[in-house]
């Protein structure tokens, strides 16, 4: 797999520090499972974070700290559960684990023009959804009020900036306005996270926006 569009260092560092909403963390974990480059950079940031912890100031321990540790040691240990190995599919393992399976496990909702979405449950700081866009179909022209990460899982799409295929992630902020179009071939499936509603130009998308939670 040739991935051309990667995550920024800022996003990877924030992910390593557990400083991102759950929605963005899911997109990043899924991308990293596909991308050797971003996985290597993330491991380096994890290593730096561990080194900083090692040289940090020592924290004072409470008077009952030793007794608490000994009490935990004496508790029965739960048997280790071997994780279920997911079969290869459209969804990488982190997303399969989150959804509970591959495409067949998704409960799609039609949003018009053949496009479908499935909003995944996460914390309220941001939202994440799966998007199914038939080949040749355009998403309505829109801008952004915040950050949007879009990871391609199947097929490809193009906008004014570039073309994005499986494993590629597009980072869009308030300065980006575009009309993504799914390219010919396999239907395009994406995982997209946003921390603010999109800014649609067309009247119909704006009217439907509250119902679709986009």
C-alpha atoms as a PDB file:
ATOM      1  CA  UNK A   1       0.000   0.000   0.000  1.00  0.00           C
ATOM      2  CA  UNK A   2       1.371   3.398  -0.998  1.00  0.00           C
ATOM      3  CA  UNK A   3       0.167   6.062   1.441  1.00  0.00           C
ATOM      4  CA  UNK A   4       0.859   9.629   0.338  1.00  0.00           C
ATOM      5  CA  UNK A   5      -1.050  11.728   2.861  1.00  0.00           C
ATOM      6  CA  UNK A   6       0.035  11.406   6.485  1.00  0.00           C
ATOM      7  CA  UNK A   7      -0.776  12.795   9.920  1.00  0.00           C
ATOM      8  CA  UNK A   8       1.048  15.877  11.177  1.00  0.00           C
ATOM      9  CA  UNK A   9       3.589  15.672  13.994  1.00  0.00           C
ATOM     10  CA  UNK A  10       1.290  17.866  16.103  1.00  0.00           C
ATOM     11  CA  UNK A  11      -1.569  15.382  15.822  1.00  0.00           C
ATOM     12  CA  UNK A  12       0.658  12.397  16.554  1.00  0.00           C
ATOM     13  CA  UNK A  13       2.168  14.102  19.603  1.00  0.00           C
ATOM     14  CA  UNK A  14      -1.269  15.028  20.915  1.00  0.00           C
ATOM     15  CA  UNK A  15      -2.416  11.432  20.390  1.00  0.00           C
ATOM     16  CA  UNK A  16       0.663  10.090  22.197  1.00  0.00           C
ATOM     17  CA  UNK A  17      -0.103  12.410  25.121  1.00  0.00           C
ATOM     18  CA  UNK A  18      -3.769  11.290  25.194  1.00  0.00           C
ATOM     19  CA  UNK A  19      -4.786  14.871  24.519  1.00  0.00           C
ATOM     20  CA  UNK A  20      -7.334  14.336  21.743  1.00  0.00           C
ATOM     21  CA  UNK A  21     -11.078  13.641  21.736  1.00  0.00           C
ATOM     22  CA  UNK A  22     -12.067  10.010  21.304  1.00  0.00           C
ATOM     23  CA  UNK A  23     -13.286  10.622  17.728  1.00  0.00           C
ATOM     24  CA  UNK A  24      -9.914  11.899  16.510  1.00  0.00           C
ATOM     25  CA  UNK A  25      -8.055   9.210  18.447  1.00  0.00           C
ATOM     26  CA  UNK A  26     -10.047   6.524  16.614  1.00  0.00           C
ATOM     27  CA  UNK A  27      -9.142   7.971  13.196  1.00  0.00           C
ATOM     28  CA  UNK A  28      -5.473   8.265  14.165  1.00  0.00           C
ATOM     29  CA  UNK A  29      -5.275   4.740  15.608  1.00  0.00           C
ATOM     30  CA  UNK A  30      -6.869   3.354  12.441  1.00  0.00           C
ATOM     31  CA  UNK A  31      -4.504   5.280  10.163  1.00  0.00           C
ATOM     32  CA  UNK A  32      -1.434   4.328  12.200  1.00  0.00           C
ATOM     33  CA  UNK A  33      -2.378   0.650  11.868  1.00  0.00           C
ATOM     34  CA  UNK A  34      -2.055   1.058   8.087  1.00  0.00           C
ATOM     35  CA  UNK A  35       0.875   3.489   7.841  1.00  0.00           C
ATOM     36  CA  UNK A  36       4.449   2.444   8.638  1.00  0.00           C
ATOM     37  CA  UNK A  37       5.677   6.053   8.487  1.00  0.00           C
ATOM     38  CA  UNK A  38       3.201   7.452  11.012  1.00  0.00           C
ATOM     39  CA  UNK A  39       3.574   4.399  13.250  1.00  0.00           C
ATOM     40  CA  UNK A  40       7.363   4.919  13.425  1.00  0.00           C
ATOM     41  CA  UNK A  41       6.954   8.612  14.230  1.00  0.00           C
ATOM     42  CA  UNK A  42       4.357   7.818  16.897  1.00  0.00           C
ATOM     43  CA  UNK A  43       6.710   5.309  18.519  1.00  0.00           C
ATOM     44  CA  UNK A  44       9.434   7.972  18.659  1.00  0.00           C
ATOM     45  CA  UNK A  45       7.045  10.419  20.357  1.00  0.00           C
ATOM     46  CA  UNK A  46       6.039   7.708  22.833  1.00  0.00           C
ATOM     47  CA  UNK A  47       9.711   7.114  23.611  1.00  0.00           C
ATOM     48  CA  UNK A  48      10.332  10.815  24.220  1.00  0.00           C
ATOM     49  CA  UNK A  49       7.311  10.981  26.506  1.00  0.00           C
ATOM     50  CA  UNK A  50       8.564   7.996  28.490  1.00  0.00           C
ATOM     51  CA  UNK A  51      11.996   9.602  28.879  1.00  0.00           C
ATOM     52  CA  UNK A  52      10.424  12.808  30.182  1.00  0.00           C
ATOM     53  CA  UNK A  53       8.491  10.819  32.769  1.00  0.00           C
ATOM     54  CA  UNK A  54      11.701   9.089  33.887  1.00  0.00           C
ATOM     55  CA  UNK A  55      13.515  12.385  34.521  1.00  0.00           C
ATOM     56  CA  UNK A  56      10.544  14.175  36.052  1.00  0.00           C
ATOM     57  CA  UNK A  57      10.338  15.242  39.673  1.00  0.00           C
ATOM     58  CA  UNK A  58       9.521  12.497  42.147  1.00  0.00           C
ATOM     59  CA  UNK A  59       6.105  12.642  43.775  1.00  0.00           C
ATOM     60  CA  UNK A  60       5.717  12.193  47.506  1.00  0.00           C
ATOM     61  CA  UNK A  61       4.037   8.924  48.510  1.00  0.00           C
ATOM     62  CA  UNK A  62       1.302   8.707  51.104  1.00  0.00           C
ATOM     63  CA  UNK A  63       1.867   6.967  54.419  1.00  0.00           C
ATOM     64  CA  UNK A  64      -0.418   4.090  53.426  1.00  0.00           C
ATOM     65  CA  UNK A  65       1.102   3.572  49.927  1.00  0.00           C
ATOM     66  CA  UNK A  66       3.025   0.399  50.830  1.00  0.00           C
ATOM     67  CA  UNK A  67       0.014  -1.198  52.516  1.00  0.00           C
ATOM     68  CA  UNK A  68      -2.161  -0.437  49.500  1.00  0.00           C
ATOM     69  CA  UNK A  69       0.333  -2.045  47.107  1.00  0.00           C
ATOM     70  CA  UNK A  70       0.645  -5.174  49.267  1.00  0.00           C
ATOM     71  CA  UNK A  71      -3.140  -5.461  49.446  1.00  0.00           C
ATOM     72  CA  UNK A  72      -3.400  -5.337  45.656  1.00  0.00           C
ATOM     73  CA  UNK A  73      -0.702  -8.021  45.306  1.00  0.00           C
ATOM     74  CA  UNK A  74      -2.681 -10.365  47.536  1.00  0.00           C
ATOM     75  CA  UNK A  75      -5.868 -10.053  45.454  1.00  0.00           C
ATOM     76  CA  UNK A  76      -6.733 -12.948  43.082  1.00  0.00           C
ATOM     77  CA  UNK A  77      -5.495 -12.325  39.550  1.00  0.00           C
ATOM     78  CA  UNK A  78      -8.084 -12.538  36.794  1.00  0.00           C
ATOM     79  CA  UNK A  79      -7.195 -14.987  33.996  1.00  0.00           C
ATOM     80  CA  UNK A  80      -5.686 -13.330  30.926  1.00  0.00           C
ATOM     81  CA  UNK A  81      -8.036 -13.200  27.955  1.00  0.00           C
ATOM     82  CA  UNK A  82      -6.483 -13.667  24.535  1.00  0.00           C
ATOM     83  CA  UNK A  83      -7.810 -10.999  22.135  1.00  0.00           C
ATOM     84  CA  UNK A  84      -9.876 -12.265  19.236  1.00  0.00           C
ATOM     85  CA  UNK A  85      -7.979 -12.031  15.967  1.00  0.00           C
ATOM     86  CA  UNK A  86     -10.109 -10.225  13.406  1.00  0.00           C
ATOM     87  CA  UNK A  87     -10.325 -11.506   9.860  1.00  0.00           C
ATOM     88  CA  UNK A  88      -8.882  -9.202   7.166  1.00  0.00           C
ATOM     89  CA  UNK A  89     -11.449  -6.840   5.715  1.00  0.00           C
ATOM     90  CA  UNK A  90     -12.099  -3.264   4.674  1.00  0.00           C
ATOM     91  CA  UNK A  91     -11.738  -2.054   8.268  1.00  0.00           C
ATOM     92  CA  UNK A  92      -8.309  -2.210   9.929  1.00  0.00           C
ATOM     93  CA  UNK A  93      -8.171  -3.946  13.316  1.00  0.00           C
ATOM     94  CA  UNK A  94      -8.643  -0.848  15.548  1.00  0.00           C
ATOM     95  CA  UNK A  95     -11.838   0.038  13.707  1.00  0.00           C
ATOM     96  CA  UNK A  96     -13.083  -3.566  13.613  1.00  0.00           C
ATOM     97  CA  UNK A  97     -12.554  -3.756  17.376  1.00  0.00           C
ATOM     98  CA  UNK A  98     -14.485  -0.506  17.805  1.00  0.00           C
ATOM     99  CA  UNK A  99     -17.379  -1.384  15.490  1.00  0.00           C
ATOM    100  CA  UNK A 100     -17.508  -5.046  16.476  1.00  0.00           C
ATOM    101  CA  UNK A 101     -16.816  -6.377  12.996  1.00  0.00           C
ATOM    102  CA  UNK A 102     -16.342  -5.277   9.422  1.00  0.00           C
ATOM    103  CA  UNK A 103     -18.774  -3.733   6.913  1.00  0.00           C
ATOM    104  CA  UNK A 104     -21.554  -6.191   7.719  1.00  0.00           C
ATOM    105  CA  UNK A 105     -21.656  -4.887  11.311  1.00  0.00           C
ATOM    106  CA  UNK A 106     -22.355  -1.281  10.268  1.00  0.00           C
ATOM    107  CA  UNK A 107     -25.882   0.110  10.569  1.00  0.00           C
ATOM    108  CA  UNK A 108     -25.963   2.585   7.697  1.00  0.00           C
ATOM    109  CA  UNK A 109     -28.380   5.485   7.383  1.00  0.00           C
ATOM    110  CA  UNK A 110     -29.116   6.985   3.966  1.00  0.00           C
ATOM    111  CA  UNK A 111     -28.452  10.715   3.659  1.00  0.00           C
ATOM    112  CA  UNK A 112     -29.335  11.243  -0.022  1.00  0.00           C
ATOM    113  CA  UNK A 113     -27.812  10.721  -3.455  1.00  0.00           C
ATOM    114  CA  UNK A 114     -26.811   7.167  -2.594  1.00  0.00           C
ATOM    115  CA  UNK A 115     -24.554   8.414   0.215  1.00  0.00           C
ATOM    116  CA  UNK A 116     -24.849   6.631   3.563  1.00  0.00           C
ATOM    117  CA  UNK A 117     -23.393   7.332   6.985  1.00  0.00           C
ATOM    118  CA  UNK A 118     -23.096   5.643  10.355  1.00  0.00           C
ATOM    119  CA  UNK A 119     -22.347   7.836  13.368  1.00  0.00           C
ATOM    120  CA  UNK A 120     -20.193   5.986  15.902  1.00  0.00           C
ATOM    121  CA  UNK A 121     -20.637   6.512  19.659  1.00  0.00           C
ATOM    122  CA  UNK A 122     -17.850   8.627  21.192  1.00  0.00           C
ATOM    123  CA  UNK A 123     -17.445  11.358  23.796  1.00  0.00           C
ATOM    124  CA  UNK A 124     -19.082  14.727  23.137  1.00  0.00           C
ATOM    125  CA  UNK A 125     -15.893  16.692  22.348  1.00  0.00           C
ATOM    126  CA  UNK A 126     -16.036  15.587  18.690  1.00  0.00           C
ATOM    127  CA  UNK A 127     -17.971  13.212  16.436  1.00  0.00           C
ATOM    128  CA  UNK A 128     -16.870  10.436  14.098  1.00  0.00           C
ATOM    129  CA  UNK A 129     -18.777   8.715  11.325  1.00  0.00           C
ATOM    130  CA  UNK A 130     -18.356   6.167   8.580  1.00  0.00           C
ATOM    131  CA  UNK A 131     -19.258   7.501   5.135  1.00  0.00           C
ATOM    132  CA  UNK A 132     -20.239   5.392   2.124  1.00  0.00           C
ATOM    133  CA  UNK A 133     -20.046   7.385  -1.123  1.00  0.00           C
ATOM    134  CA  UNK A 134     -20.881   5.625  -4.411  1.00  0.00           C
ATOM    135  CA  UNK A 135     -18.235   5.928  -7.127  1.00  0.00           C
ATOM    136  CA  UNK A 136     -18.705   9.101  -9.162  1.00  0.00           C
ATOM    137  CA  UNK A 137     -20.778  10.832  -6.467  1.00  0.00           C
ATOM    138  CA  UNK A 138     -19.871  14.265  -5.117  1.00  0.00           C
ATOM    139  CA  UNK A 139     -20.300  15.392  -1.514  1.00  0.00           C
ATOM    140  CA  UNK A 140     -21.969  18.846  -1.311  1.00  0.00           C
ATOM    141  CA  UNK A 141     -19.589  21.798  -1.411  1.00  0.00           C
ATOM    142  CA  UNK A 142     -18.647  22.742   2.141  1.00  0.00           C
ATOM    143  CA  UNK A 143     -16.185  24.446   4.439  1.00  0.00           C
ATOM    144  CA  UNK A 144     -15.251  23.771   8.058  1.00  0.00           C
ATOM    145  CA  UNK A 145     -15.794  25.503  11.382  1.00  0.00           C
ATOM    146  CA  UNK A 146     -13.126  23.400  13.049  1.00  0.00           C
ATOM    147  CA  UNK A 147     -10.892  20.408  12.330  1.00  0.00           C
ATOM    148  CA  UNK A 148     -11.867  17.455  10.152  1.00  0.00           C
ATOM    149  CA  UNK A 149      -9.808  14.284   9.678  1.00  0.00           C
ATOM    150  CA  UNK A 150     -10.935  12.011   6.839  1.00  0.00           C
ATOM    151  CA  UNK A 151      -9.325   8.583   6.422  1.00  0.00           C
ATOM    152  CA  UNK A 152      -9.999   6.578   3.251  1.00  0.00           C
ATOM    153  CA  UNK A 153     -10.742   2.898   3.891  1.00  0.00           C
ATOM    154  CA  UNK A 154     -11.860   1.840   0.408  1.00  0.00           C
ATOM    155  CA  UNK A 155     -11.852   3.428  -3.045  1.00  0.00           C
ATOM    156  CA  UNK A 156     -10.650   7.007  -3.446  1.00  0.00           C
ATOM    157  CA  UNK A 157     -11.867  10.592  -3.628  1.00  0.00           C
ATOM    158  CA  UNK A 158     -10.496  13.810  -5.073  1.00  0.00           C
ATOM    159  CA  UNK A 159     -10.991  17.497  -4.370  1.00  0.00           C
ATOM    160  CA  UNK A 160      -9.290  20.706  -5.462  1.00  0.00           C
ATOM    161  CA  UNK A 161      -6.195  19.916  -3.399  1.00  0.00           C
ATOM    162  CA  UNK A 162      -5.340  16.295  -4.328  1.00  0.00           C
ATOM    163  CA  UNK A 163      -6.451  12.671  -4.610  1.00  0.00           C
ATOM    164  CA  UNK A 164      -6.833  10.461  -1.538  1.00  0.00           C
ATOM    165  CA  UNK A 165      -6.828   6.642  -1.639  1.00  0.00           C
ATOM    166  CA  UNK A 166      -6.875   3.835   0.960  1.00  0.00           C
ATOM    167  CA  UNK A 167      -4.789   4.756   3.986  1.00  0.00           C
ATOM    168  CA  UNK A 168      -4.544   8.444   3.077  1.00  0.00           C
ATOM    169  CA  UNK A 169      -5.834  10.987   5.568  1.00  0.00           C
ATOM    170  CA  UNK A 170      -6.994  14.481   4.651  1.00  0.00           C
ATOM    171  CA  UNK A 171      -6.602  17.193   7.297  1.00  0.00           C
ATOM    172  CA  UNK A 172      -9.068  20.047   6.749  1.00  0.00           C
ATOM    173  CA  UNK A 173      -9.465  23.181   8.862  1.00  0.00           C
ATOM    174  CA  UNK A 174     -11.333  26.494   8.679  1.00  0.00           C
ATOM    175  CA  UNK A 175      -9.346  27.542   5.597  1.00  0.00           C
ATOM    176  CA  UNK A 176     -10.438  24.555   3.491  1.00  0.00           C
ATOM    177  CA  UNK A 177     -13.502  24.646   1.253  1.00  0.00           C
ATOM    178  CA  UNK A 178     -13.959  21.744  -1.129  1.00  0.00           C
ATOM    179  CA  UNK A 179     -16.285  19.421  -3.019  1.00  0.00           C
ATOM    180  CA  UNK A 180     -14.951  15.870  -2.590  1.00  0.00           C
ATOM    181  CA  UNK A 181     -15.867  13.466  -5.394  1.00  0.00           C
ATOM    182  CA  UNK A 182     -15.612   9.666  -5.145  1.00  0.00           C
ATOM    183  CA  UNK A 183     -13.540   8.413  -8.068  1.00  0.00           C
ATOM    184  CA  UNK A 184     -14.531   5.686 -10.510  1.00  0.00           C
ATOM    185  CA  UNK A 185     -13.963   2.117  -9.393  1.00  0.00           C
ATOM    186  CA  UNK A 186     -14.792   0.841  -5.922  1.00  0.00           C
ATOM    187  CA  UNK A 187     -17.285   2.851  -3.897  1.00  0.00           C
ATOM    188  CA  UNK A 188     -15.525   5.149  -1.442  1.00  0.00           C
ATOM    189  CA  UNK A 189     -15.719   4.404   2.278  1.00  0.00           C
ATOM    190  CA  UNK A 190     -14.196   6.870   4.738  1.00  0.00           C
ATOM    191  CA  UNK A 191     -13.862   7.402   8.477  1.00  0.00           C
ATOM    192  CA  UNK A 192     -14.291  11.099   9.285  1.00  0.00           C
ATOM    193  CA  UNK A 193     -13.999  12.969  12.590  1.00  0.00           C
ATOM    194  CA  UNK A 194     -15.045  16.585  13.198  1.00  0.00           C
ATOM    195  CA  UNK A 195     -15.100  18.854  16.218  1.00  0.00           C
ATOM    196  CA  UNK A 196     -17.577  21.376  14.771  1.00  0.00           C
ATOM    197  CA  UNK A 197     -20.446  21.361  12.238  1.00  0.00           C
ATOM    198  CA  UNK A 198     -19.541  21.684   8.566  1.00  0.00           C
ATOM    199  CA  UNK A 199     -20.342  24.891   6.687  1.00  0.00           C
ATOM    200  CA  UNK A 200     -22.477  24.041   3.640  1.00  0.00           C
ATOM    201  CA  UNK A 201     -23.152  26.511   0.831  1.00  0.00           C
ATOM    202  CA  UNK A 202     -26.282  24.862  -0.572  1.00  0.00           C
ATOM    203  CA  UNK A 203     -29.690  25.433   1.006  1.00  0.00           C
ATOM    204  CA  UNK A 204     -30.795  21.774   1.026  1.00  0.00           C
ATOM    205  CA  UNK A 205     -27.672  20.483   2.841  1.00  0.00           C
ATOM    206  CA  UNK A 206     -28.040  23.302   5.380  1.00  0.00           C
ATOM    207  CA  UNK A 207     -31.678  22.372   6.045  1.00  0.00           C
ATOM    208  CA  UNK A 208     -30.794  18.686   6.450  1.00  0.00           C
ATOM    209  CA  UNK A 209     -27.734  19.360   8.587  1.00  0.00           C
ATOM    210  CA  UNK A 210     -29.399  19.244  12.040  1.00  0.00           C
ATOM    211  CA  UNK A 211     -31.109  15.939  11.251  1.00  0.00           C
ATOM    212  CA  UNK A 212     -27.929  14.347   9.872  1.00  0.00           C
ATOM    213  CA  UNK A 213     -25.736  15.761  12.678  1.00  0.00           C
ATOM    214  CA  UNK A 214     -23.012  16.738  10.227  1.00  0.00           C
END
